[in-house]
Amino acid sequence: MTYTENTLVIKGISAPAIIDYFATINQAEFIQTASLFTENGSLLAPLENPIVGREKIAAYLSKEAKGMKL
């Protein structure tokens, strides 16, 4: 995973939503990360029940993903 001209590049991945997911998590922009999900989308976190909905996903990421670099 590299950054080229402020754009994240992940070898073998070309889907913009996946690139944006990792870029926004790595920058601790969890509201933007959650906006990538549908209104009632689910985040399947390890050892957790599904986190459903953008607000709950953003709250979960703010608590659990702070400082993470994926």
PDB file of N, CA and C in Angstrom:
ATOM      1  N   MET A   1       0.856  -1.163   0.000  1.00  0.00           N
ATOM      2  CA  MET A   1       0.000   0.000   0.000  1.00  0.00           C
ATOM      3  C   MET A   1       0.902   1.225   0.000  1.00  0.00           C
ATOM      4  N   THR A   2       0.674   2.109  -0.962  1.00  0.00           N
ATOM      5  CA  THR A   2       1.477   3.321  -1.073  1.00  0.00           C
ATOM      6  C   THR A   2       0.581   4.508  -1.404  1.00  0.00           C
ATOM      7  N   TYR A   3       1.117   5.695  -1.207  1.00  0.00           N
ATOM      8  CA  TYR A   3       0.427   6.910  -1.597  1.00  0.00           C
ATOM      9  C   TYR A   3       1.155   7.499  -2.787  1.00  0.00           C
ATOM     10  N   THR A   4       0.423   7.839  -3.834  1.00  0.00           N
ATOM     11  CA  THR A   4       0.984   8.468  -5.019  1.00  0.00           C
ATOM     12  C   THR A   4       0.194   9.745  -5.275  1.00  0.00           C
ATOM     13  N   GLU A   5       0.868  10.890  -5.232  1.00  0.00           N
ATOM     14  CA  GLU A   5       0.217  12.178  -5.458  1.00  0.00           C
ATOM     15  C   GLU A   5      -1.073  12.296  -4.637  1.00  0.00           C
ATOM     16  N   ASN A   6      -0.988  12.018  -3.338  1.00  0.00           N
ATOM     17  CA  ASN A   6      -2.108  12.089  -2.401  1.00  0.00           C
ATOM     18  C   ASN A   6      -3.204  11.064  -2.675  1.00  0.00           C
ATOM     19  N   THR A   7      -2.910  10.033  -3.459  1.00  0.00           N
ATOM     20  CA  THR A   7      -3.868   8.979  -3.741  1.00  0.00           C
ATOM     21  C   THR A   7      -3.308   7.659  -3.222  1.00  0.00           C
ATOM     22  N   LEU A   8      -4.114   6.944  -2.486  1.00  0.00           N
ATOM     23  CA  LEU A   8      -3.727   5.644  -1.963  1.00  0.00           C
ATOM     24  C   LEU A   8      -3.737   4.621  -3.092  1.00  0.00           C
ATOM     25  N   VAL A   9      -2.691   3.805  -3.173  1.00  0.00           N
ATOM     26  CA  VAL A   9      -2.609   2.736  -4.162  1.00  0.00           C
ATOM     27  C   VAL A   9      -2.382   1.433  -3.410  1.00  0.00           C
ATOM     28  N   ILE A  10      -3.266   0.467  -3.635  1.00  0.00           N
ATOM     29  CA  ILE A  10      -3.131  -0.852  -3.030  1.00  0.00           C
ATOM     30  C   ILE A  10      -2.995  -1.845  -4.171  1.00  0.00           C
ATOM     31  N   LYS A  11      -1.871  -2.493  -4.263  1.00  0.00           N
ATOM     32  CA  LYS A  11      -1.609  -3.424  -5.357  1.00  0.00           C
ATOM     33  C   LYS A  11      -2.727  -4.460  -5.448  1.00  0.00           C
ATOM     34  N   GLY A  12      -3.291  -4.610  -6.641  1.00  0.00           N
ATOM     35  CA  GLY A  12      -4.339  -5.584  -6.883  1.00  0.00           C
ATOM     36  C   GLY A  12      -5.750  -5.116  -6.573  1.00  0.00           C
ATOM     37  N   ILE A  13      -5.899  -3.908  -6.019  1.00  0.00           N
ATOM     38  CA  ILE A  13      -7.225  -3.378  -5.671  1.00  0.00           C
ATOM     39  C   ILE A  13      -7.488  -2.133  -6.518  1.00  0.00           C
ATOM     40  N   SER A  14      -8.623  -2.124  -7.201  1.00  0.00           N
ATOM     41  CA  SER A  14      -8.954  -0.953  -8.016  1.00  0.00           C
ATOM     42  C   SER A  14     -10.323  -0.354  -7.679  1.00  0.00           C
ATOM     43  N   ALA A  15     -11.114  -1.020  -6.835  1.00  0.00           N
ATOM     44  CA  ALA A  15     -12.437  -0.503  -6.484  1.00  0.00           C
ATOM     45  C   ALA A  15     -12.299   0.746  -5.623  1.00  0.00           C
ATOM     46  N   PRO A  16     -12.843   1.881  -6.087  1.00  0.00           N
ATOM     47  CA  PRO A  16     -12.704   3.131  -5.336  1.00  0.00           C
ATOM     48  C   PRO A  16     -13.215   3.047  -3.893  1.00  0.00           C
ATOM     49  N   ALA A  17     -14.294   2.331  -3.650  1.00  0.00           N
ATOM     50  CA  ALA A  17     -14.836   2.255  -2.285  1.00  0.00           C
ATOM     51  C   ALA A  17     -13.863   1.570  -1.337  1.00  0.00           C
ATOM     52  N   ILE A  18     -13.161   0.566  -1.808  1.00  0.00           N
ATOM     53  CA  ILE A  18     -12.186  -0.130  -0.959  1.00  0.00           C
ATOM     54  C   ILE A  18     -10.991   0.770  -0.689  1.00  0.00           C
ATOM     55  N   ILE A  19     -10.510   1.435  -1.722  1.00  0.00           N
ATOM     56  CA  ILE A  19      -9.390   2.386  -1.557  1.00  0.00           C
ATOM     57  C   ILE A  19      -9.795   3.480  -0.565  1.00  0.00           C
ATOM     58  N   ASP A  20     -10.993   4.040  -0.745  1.00  0.00           N
ATOM     59  CA  ASP A  20     -11.472   5.110   0.146  1.00  0.00           C
ATOM     60  C   ASP A  20     -11.633   4.608   1.583  1.00  0.00           C
ATOM     61  N   TYR A  21     -12.092   3.357   1.750  1.00  0.00           N
ATOM     62  CA  TYR A  21     -12.255   2.780   3.086  1.00  0.00           C
ATOM     63  C   TYR A  21     -10.920   2.813   3.832  1.00  0.00           C
ATOM     64  N   PHE A  22      -9.881   2.286   3.210  1.00  0.00           N
ATOM     65  CA  PHE A  22      -8.581   2.239   3.880  1.00  0.00           C
ATOM     66  C   PHE A  22      -7.977   3.627   4.049  1.00  0.00           C
ATOM     67  N   ALA A  23      -8.127   4.481   3.053  1.00  0.00           N
ATOM     68  CA  ALA A  23      -7.575   5.838   3.155  1.00  0.00           C
ATOM     69  C   ALA A  23      -8.222   6.614   4.291  1.00  0.00           C
ATOM     70  N   THR A  24      -9.550   6.538   4.415  1.00  0.00           N
ATOM     71  CA  THR A  24     -10.230   7.306   5.457  1.00  0.00           C
ATOM     72  C   THR A  24      -9.976   6.737   6.845  1.00  0.00           C
ATOM     73  N   ILE A  25      -9.892   5.419   6.970  1.00  0.00           N
ATOM     74  CA  ILE A  25      -9.552   4.836   8.278  1.00  0.00           C
ATOM     75  C   ILE A  25      -8.142   5.249   8.679  1.00  0.00           C
ATOM     76  N   ASN A  26      -7.205   5.169   7.752  1.00  0.00           N
ATOM     77  CA  ASN A  26      -5.819   5.519   8.072  1.00  0.00           C
ATOM     78  C   ASN A  26      -5.659   6.977   8.458  1.00  0.00           C
ATOM     79  N   GLN A  27      -6.578   7.831   8.020  1.00  0.00           N
ATOM     80  CA  GLN A  27      -6.531   9.256   8.351  1.00  0.00           C
ATOM     81  C   GLN A  27      -7.480   9.600   9.498  1.00  0.00           C
ATOM     82  N   ALA A  28      -8.044   8.572  10.137  1.00  0.00           N
ATOM     83  CA  ALA A  28      -8.986   8.738  11.257  1.00  0.00           C
ATOM     84  C   ALA A  28     -10.182   9.604  10.877  1.00  0.00           C
ATOM     85  N   GLU A  29     -10.641   9.489   9.643  1.00  0.00           N
ATOM     86  CA  GLU A  29     -11.817  10.203   9.152  1.00  0.00           C
ATOM     87  C   GLU A  29     -12.997   9.236   9.177  1.00  0.00           C
ATOM     88  N   PHE A  30     -13.451   8.903  10.372  1.00  0.00           N
ATOM     89  CA  PHE A  30     -14.395   7.818  10.540  1.00  0.00           C
ATOM     90  C   PHE A  30     -15.807   8.151  10.054  1.00  0.00           C
ATOM     91  N   ILE A  31     -16.195   9.397  10.062  1.00  0.00           N
ATOM     92  CA  ILE A  31     -17.496   9.767   9.496  1.00  0.00           C
ATOM     93  C   ILE A  31     -17.470   9.527   7.987  1.00  0.00           C
ATOM     94  N   GLN A  32     -16.360   9.886   7.320  1.00  0.00           N
ATOM     95  CA  GLN A  32     -16.244   9.625   5.886  1.00  0.00           C
ATOM     96  C   GLN A  32     -16.205   8.126   5.610  1.00  0.00           C
ATOM     97  N   THR A  33     -15.527   7.371   6.475  1.00  0.00           N
ATOM     98  CA  THR A  33     -15.506   5.917   6.317  1.00  0.00           C
ATOM     99  C   THR A  33     -16.923   5.374   6.391  1.00  0.00           C
ATOM    100  N   ALA A  34     -17.668   5.787   7.386  1.00  0.00           N
ATOM    101  CA  ALA A  34     -19.043   5.303   7.565  1.00  0.00           C
ATOM    102  C   ALA A  34     -19.929   5.712   6.391  1.00  0.00           C
ATOM    103  N   SER A  35     -19.645   6.850   5.768  1.00  0.00           N
ATOM    104  CA  SER A  35     -20.459   7.298   4.631  1.00  0.00           C
ATOM    105  C   SER A  35     -20.304   6.395   3.413  1.00  0.00           C
ATOM    106  N   LEU A  36     -19.289   5.553   3.413  1.00  0.00           N
ATOM    107  CA  LEU A  36     -19.102   4.600   2.312  1.00  0.00           C
ATOM    108  C   LEU A  36     -20.103   3.452   2.377  1.00  0.00           C
ATOM    109  N   PHE A  37     -20.735   3.269   3.530  1.00  0.00           N
ATOM    110  CA  PHE A  37     -21.734   2.217   3.722  1.00  0.00           C
ATOM    111  C   PHE A  37     -23.115   2.754   3.344  1.00  0.00           C
ATOM    112  N   THR A  38     -24.022   1.858   2.967  1.00  0.00           N
ATOM    113  CA  THR A  38     -25.404   2.275   2.757  1.00  0.00           C
ATOM    114  C   THR A  38     -25.988   2.696   4.100  1.00  0.00           C
ATOM    115  N   GLU A  39     -27.122   3.359   4.066  1.00  0.00           N
ATOM    116  CA  GLU A  39     -27.746   3.871   5.291  1.00  0.00           C
ATOM    117  C   GLU A  39     -27.881   2.795   6.367  1.00  0.00           C
ATOM    118  N   ASN A  40     -28.239   1.584   5.973  1.00  0.00           N
ATOM    119  CA  ASN A  40     -28.395   0.479   6.922  1.00  0.00           C
ATOM    120  C   ASN A  40     -27.313  -0.585   6.732  1.00  0.00           C
ATOM    121  N   GLY A  41     -26.161  -0.163   6.206  1.00  0.00           N
ATOM    122  CA  GLY A  41     -25.062  -1.096   5.978  1.00  0.00           C
ATOM    123  C   GLY A  41     -24.527  -1.656   7.283  1.00  0.00           C
ATOM    124  N   SER A  42     -23.808  -2.769   7.176  1.00  0.00           N
ATOM    125  CA  SER A  42     -23.247  -3.444   8.352  1.00  0.00           C
ATOM    126  C   SER A  42     -21.735  -3.526   8.262  1.00  0.00           C
ATOM    127  N   LEU A  43     -21.092  -3.233   9.367  1.00  0.00           N
ATOM    128  CA  LEU A  43     -19.657  -3.457   9.506  1.00  0.00           C
ATOM    129  C   LEU A  43     -19.503  -4.736  10.313  1.00  0.00           C
ATOM    130  N   LEU A  44     -18.779  -5.688   9.759  1.00  0.00           N
ATOM    131  CA  LEU A  44     -18.563  -6.963  10.443  1.00  0.00           C
ATOM    132  C   LEU A  44     -17.185  -6.930  11.088  1.00  0.00           C
ATOM    133  N   ALA A  45     -17.143  -6.487  12.312  1.00  0.00           N
ATOM    134  CA  ALA A  45     -15.899  -6.367  13.067  1.00  0.00           C
ATOM    135  C   ALA A  45     -15.596  -7.690  13.757  1.00  0.00           C
ATOM    136  N   PRO A  46     -14.321  -8.014  13.931  1.00  0.00           N
ATOM    137  CA  PRO A  46     -13.970  -9.262  14.612  1.00  0.00           C
ATOM    138  C   PRO A  46     -14.509  -9.298  16.046  1.00  0.00           C
ATOM    139  N   LEU A  47     -15.031 -10.436  16.427  1.00  0.00           N
ATOM    140  CA  LEU A  47     -15.512 -10.698  17.787  1.00  0.00           C
ATOM    141  C   LEU A  47     -16.626  -9.754  18.230  1.00  0.00           C
ATOM    142  N   GLU A  48     -17.370  -9.203  17.296  1.00  0.00           N
ATOM    143  CA  GLU A  48     -18.473  -8.276  17.588  1.00  0.00           C
ATOM    144  C   GLU A  48     -19.708  -8.715  16.813  1.00  0.00           C
ATOM    145  N   ASN A  49     -20.867  -8.346  17.305  1.00  0.00           N
ATOM    146  CA  ASN A  49     -22.073  -8.467  16.501  1.00  0.00           C
ATOM    147  C   ASN A  49     -21.975  -7.442  15.381  1.00  0.00           C
ATOM    148  N   PRO A  50     -22.704  -7.635  14.266  1.00  0.00           N
ATOM    149  CA  PRO A  50     -22.659  -6.632  13.199  1.00  0.00           C
ATOM    150  C   PRO A  50     -23.016  -5.244  13.729  1.00  0.00           C
ATOM    151  N   ILE A  51     -22.279  -4.240  13.270  1.00  0.00           N
ATOM    152  CA  ILE A  51     -22.556  -2.852  13.623  1.00  0.00           C
ATOM    153  C   ILE A  51     -23.345  -2.289  12.442  1.00  0.00           C
ATOM    154  N   VAL A  52     -24.585  -1.886  12.682  1.00  0.00           N
ATOM    155  CA  VAL A  52     -25.499  -1.526  11.604  1.00  0.00           C
ATOM    156  C   VAL A  52     -25.797  -0.034  11.622  1.00  0.00           C
ATOM    157  N   GLY A  53     -25.670   0.597  10.463  1.00  0.00           N
ATOM    158  CA  GLY A  53     -26.000   2.012  10.303  1.00  0.00           C
ATOM    159  C   GLY A  53     -24.764   2.890  10.360  1.00  0.00           C
ATOM    160  N   ARG A  54     -24.783   3.946   9.580  1.00  0.00           N
ATOM    161  CA  ARG A  54     -23.620   4.842   9.464  1.00  0.00           C
ATOM    162  C   ARG A  54     -23.212   5.458  10.794  1.00  0.00           C
ATOM    163  N   GLU A  55     -24.177   5.924  11.583  1.00  0.00           N
ATOM    164  CA  GLU A  55     -23.839   6.566  12.863  1.00  0.00           C
ATOM    165  C   GLU A  55     -23.155   5.586  13.808  1.00  0.00           C
ATOM    166  N   LYS A  56     -23.686   4.358  13.888  1.00  0.00           N
ATOM    167  CA  LYS A  56     -23.092   3.358  14.778  1.00  0.00           C
ATOM    168  C   LYS A  56     -21.728   2.913  14.264  1.00  0.00           C
ATOM    169  N   ILE A  57     -21.571   2.825  12.949  1.00  0.00           N
ATOM    170  CA  ILE A  57     -20.271   2.457  12.376  1.00  0.00           C
ATOM    171  C   ILE A  57     -19.245   3.535  12.702  1.00  0.00           C
ATOM    172  N   ALA A  58     -19.603   4.798  12.503  1.00  0.00           N
ATOM    173  CA  ALA A  58     -18.680   5.904  12.811  1.00  0.00           C
ATOM    174  C   ALA A  58     -18.309   5.911  14.287  1.00  0.00           C
ATOM    175  N   ALA A  59     -19.290   5.700  15.158  1.00  0.00           N
ATOM    176  CA  ALA A  59     -19.017   5.670  16.598  1.00  0.00           C
ATOM    177  C   ALA A  59     -18.097   4.511  16.957  1.00  0.00           C
ATOM    178  N   TYR A  60     -18.362   3.353  16.393  1.00  0.00           N
ATOM    179  CA  TYR A  60     -17.517   2.179  16.661  1.00  0.00           C
ATOM    180  C   TYR A  60     -16.088   2.436  16.201  1.00  0.00           C
ATOM    181  N   LEU A  61     -15.934   2.935  14.982  1.00  0.00           N
ATOM    182  CA  LEU A  61     -14.583   3.192  14.462  1.00  0.00           C
ATOM    183  C   LEU A  61     -13.866   4.250  15.290  1.00  0.00           C
ATOM    184  N   SER A  62     -14.585   5.277  15.719  1.00  0.00           N
ATOM    185  CA  SER A  62     -13.967   6.324  16.544  1.00  0.00           C
ATOM    186  C   SER A  62     -13.414   5.752  17.838  1.00  0.00           C
ATOM    187  N   LYS A  63     -14.093   4.746  18.361  1.00  0.00           N
ATOM    188  CA  LYS A  63     -13.658   4.127  19.616  1.00  0.00           C
ATOM    189  C   LYS A  63     -12.575   3.072  19.388  1.00  0.00           C
ATOM    190  N   GLU A  64     -12.768   2.229  18.388  1.00  0.00           N
ATOM    191  CA  GLU A  64     -11.925   1.054  18.226  1.00  0.00           C
ATOM    192  C   GLU A  64     -10.791   1.189  17.201  1.00  0.00           C
ATOM    193  N   ALA A  65     -10.921   2.105  16.260  1.00  0.00           N
ATOM    194  CA  ALA A  65      -9.924   2.176  15.188  1.00  0.00           C
ATOM    195  C   ALA A  65      -8.976   3.368  15.309  1.00  0.00           C
ATOM    196  N   LYS A  66      -9.160   4.165  16.332  1.00  0.00           N
ATOM    197  CA  LYS A  66      -8.291   5.327  16.519  1.00  0.00           C
ATOM    198  C   LYS A  66      -6.829   4.894  16.595  1.00  0.00           C
ATOM    199  N   GLY A  67      -6.006   5.503  15.752  1.00  0.00           N
ATOM    200  CA  GLY A  67      -4.578   5.197  15.747  1.00  0.00           C
ATOM    201  C   GLY A  67      -4.189   4.003  14.898  1.00  0.00           C
ATOM    202  N   MET A  68      -5.168   3.305  14.338  1.00  0.00           N
ATOM    203  CA  MET A  68      -4.858   2.150  13.498  1.00  0.00           C
ATOM    204  C   MET A  68      -4.382   2.587  12.123  1.00  0.00           C
ATOM    205  N   LYS A  69      -3.473   1.842  11.566  1.00  0.00           N
ATOM    206  CA  LYS A  69      -3.027   2.033  10.179  1.00  0.00           C
ATOM    207  C   LYS A  69      -3.169   0.681   9.501  1.00  0.00           C
ATOM    208  N   LEU A  70      -4.061   0.652   8.522  1.00  0.00           N
ATOM    209  CA  LEU A  70      -4.334  -0.593   7.817  1.00  0.00           C
ATOM    210  C   LEU A  70      -3.681  -0.602   6.454  1.00  0.00           C
TER     211      LEU A  70
END
